[in-house]
Amino acid sequence: MDGFGIALSGLRAAGAGLAVQANNVVNQLSEGFKAKRADLAEQPGGGVRVESLSDTAAPAVPGGSNVDLATETVQGMGFDLMYKANLKVLQSQDELTQATLDLKA
């Protein structure tokens, strides 16, 4: 897999992770809701993908859920950084491609 494909897989995984994290936050007050985690796995040849979604092991509070906002905040920040880093790779590759085309012109 080339750099474009690796970065694109990172964007997809980060987007999926943010969606799971956002779903947890939205459902924090839903009785019996169990927070989920996006489990990431390395792909052969490079890149990353969401392998599965798993329930968080923490017990739910009576009449509520097991969503911990501090944990969700940290998870969200991590996926945000992951997204931005992979986006930067794509932007850099685009700039290099443009510079190469400019040289040939």
Protein backbone atom coordinates (compact mmCIF):
# COMPACT_ATOMS: atom_id res chain seq x y z
CA MET A 1 0.00 0.00 0.00
CA ASP A 2 1.32 3.45 -0.88
CA GLY A 3 1.39 6.52 1.36
CA PHE A 4 -1.93 7.72 -0.04
CA GLY A 5 -3.66 4.45 0.82
CA ILE A 6 -2.13 4.30 4.29
CA ALA A 7 -3.19 7.87 5.10
CA LEU A 8 -6.67 7.28 3.67
CA SER A 9 -7.09 4.20 5.86
CA GLY A 10 -6.05 6.30 8.86
CA LEU A 11 -8.66 8.94 7.99
CA ARG A 12 -11.36 6.29 7.76
CA ALA A 13 -10.35 4.68 11.05
CA ALA A 14 -10.16 8.04 12.84
CA GLY A 15 -13.55 9.04 11.47
CA ALA A 16 -15.08 5.77 12.63
CA GLY A 17 -13.47 6.18 16.06
CA LEU A 18 -14.86 9.71 16.38
CA ALA A 19 -18.31 8.45 15.42
CA VAL A 20 -18.20 5.75 18.12
CA GLN A 21 -16.95 8.26 20.69
CA ALA A 22 -19.68 10.76 19.74
CA ASN A 23 -22.32 8.04 20.04
CA ASN A 24 -21.08 7.26 23.55
CA VAL A 25 -21.33 10.91 24.60
CA VAL A 26 -24.82 11.32 23.13
CA ASN A 27 -26.04 8.24 25.00
CA GLN A 28 -24.37 8.96 28.34
CA LEU A 29 -27.73 9.51 30.06
CA SER A 30 -29.46 6.52 28.44
CA GLU A 31 -30.29 3.90 31.02
CA GLY A 32 -28.33 0.69 30.52
CA PHE A 33 -26.23 2.05 27.64
CA LYS A 34 -22.77 0.49 27.42
CA ALA A 35 -19.98 2.57 25.96
CA LYS A 36 -18.28 1.09 22.90
CA ARG A 37 -14.68 1.22 21.72
CA ALA A 38 -13.38 1.08 18.17
CA ASP A 39 -10.69 -1.62 18.10
CA LEU A 40 -8.10 -0.79 15.44
CA ALA A 41 -5.91 -3.31 13.66
CA GLU A 42 -2.94 -3.01 11.32
CA GLN A 43 -3.59 -4.01 7.72
CA PRO A 44 -1.18 -6.18 5.79
CA GLY A 45 1.01 -3.90 3.69
CA GLY A 46 0.35 -0.88 5.91
CA GLY A 47 -2.54 1.16 7.11
CA VAL A 48 -5.13 0.61 9.77
CA ARG A 49 -8.76 -0.42 9.95
CA VAL A 50 -11.50 -0.79 12.54
CA GLU A 51 -11.42 -4.48 13.36
CA SER A 52 -14.38 -4.51 15.73
CA LEU A 53 -16.43 -2.59 18.23
CA SER A 54 -16.27 -3.77 21.80
CA ASP A 55 -18.21 -2.90 24.94
CA THR A 56 -16.38 -1.08 27.71
CA ALA A 57 -16.03 -3.31 30.76
CA ALA A 58 -16.86 -0.59 33.31
CA PRO A 59 -20.14 -1.19 35.16
CA ALA A 60 -23.08 1.11 34.47
CA VAL A 61 -24.31 3.41 37.20
CA PRO A 62 -27.85 2.69 38.47
CA GLY A 63 -30.34 4.33 36.13
CA GLY A 64 -27.60 5.41 33.72
CA SER A 65 -24.74 4.21 31.55
CA ASN A 66 -21.06 3.41 31.93
CA VAL A 67 -19.95 6.36 29.79
CA ASP A 68 -17.08 8.27 31.40
CA LEU A 69 -16.82 11.76 29.90
CA ALA A 70 -13.14 12.12 30.82
CA THR A 71 -12.34 8.92 28.93
CA GLU A 72 -14.46 10.00 25.98
CA THR A 73 -12.73 13.39 25.88
CA VAL A 74 -9.29 11.77 25.74
CA GLN A 75 -10.47 9.26 23.12
CA GLY A 76 -11.90 12.10 21.02
CA MET A 77 -8.68 14.09 21.24
CA GLY A 78 -6.69 11.04 20.13
CA PHE A 79 -8.89 10.37 17.12
CA ASP A 80 -8.83 14.08 16.26
CA LEU A 81 -5.02 14.08 16.23
CA MET A 82 -4.98 10.85 14.24
CA TYR A 83 -7.30 12.42 11.65
CA LYS A 84 -5.25 15.62 11.40
CA ALA A 85 -1.95 13.73 11.05
CA ASN A 86 -3.26 11.57 8.22
CA LEU A 87 -4.83 14.58 6.53
CA LYS A 88 -1.44 16.34 6.66
CA VAL A 89 0.16 13.35 4.91
CA LEU A 90 -2.39 13.65 2.09
CA GLN A 91 -1.85 17.41 1.84
CA SER A 92 1.93 16.95 1.70
CA GLN A 93 1.61 14.33 -1.01
CA ASP A 94 -0.66 16.65 -2.97
CA GLU A 95 1.88 19.49 -2.65
CA LEU A 96 4.70 17.21 -3.85
CA THR A 97 2.62 16.11 -6.82
CA GLN A 98 1.86 19.74 -7.70
CA ALA A 99 5.55 20.71 -7.39
CA THR A 100 6.49 17.83 -9.70
CA LEU A 101 3.91 18.91 -12.27
CA ASP A 102 5.18 22.49 -12.03
CA LEU A 103 8.71 21.28 -12.78
CA LYS A 104 7.53 19.45 -15.88
CA ALA A 105 5.57 22.46 -17.17
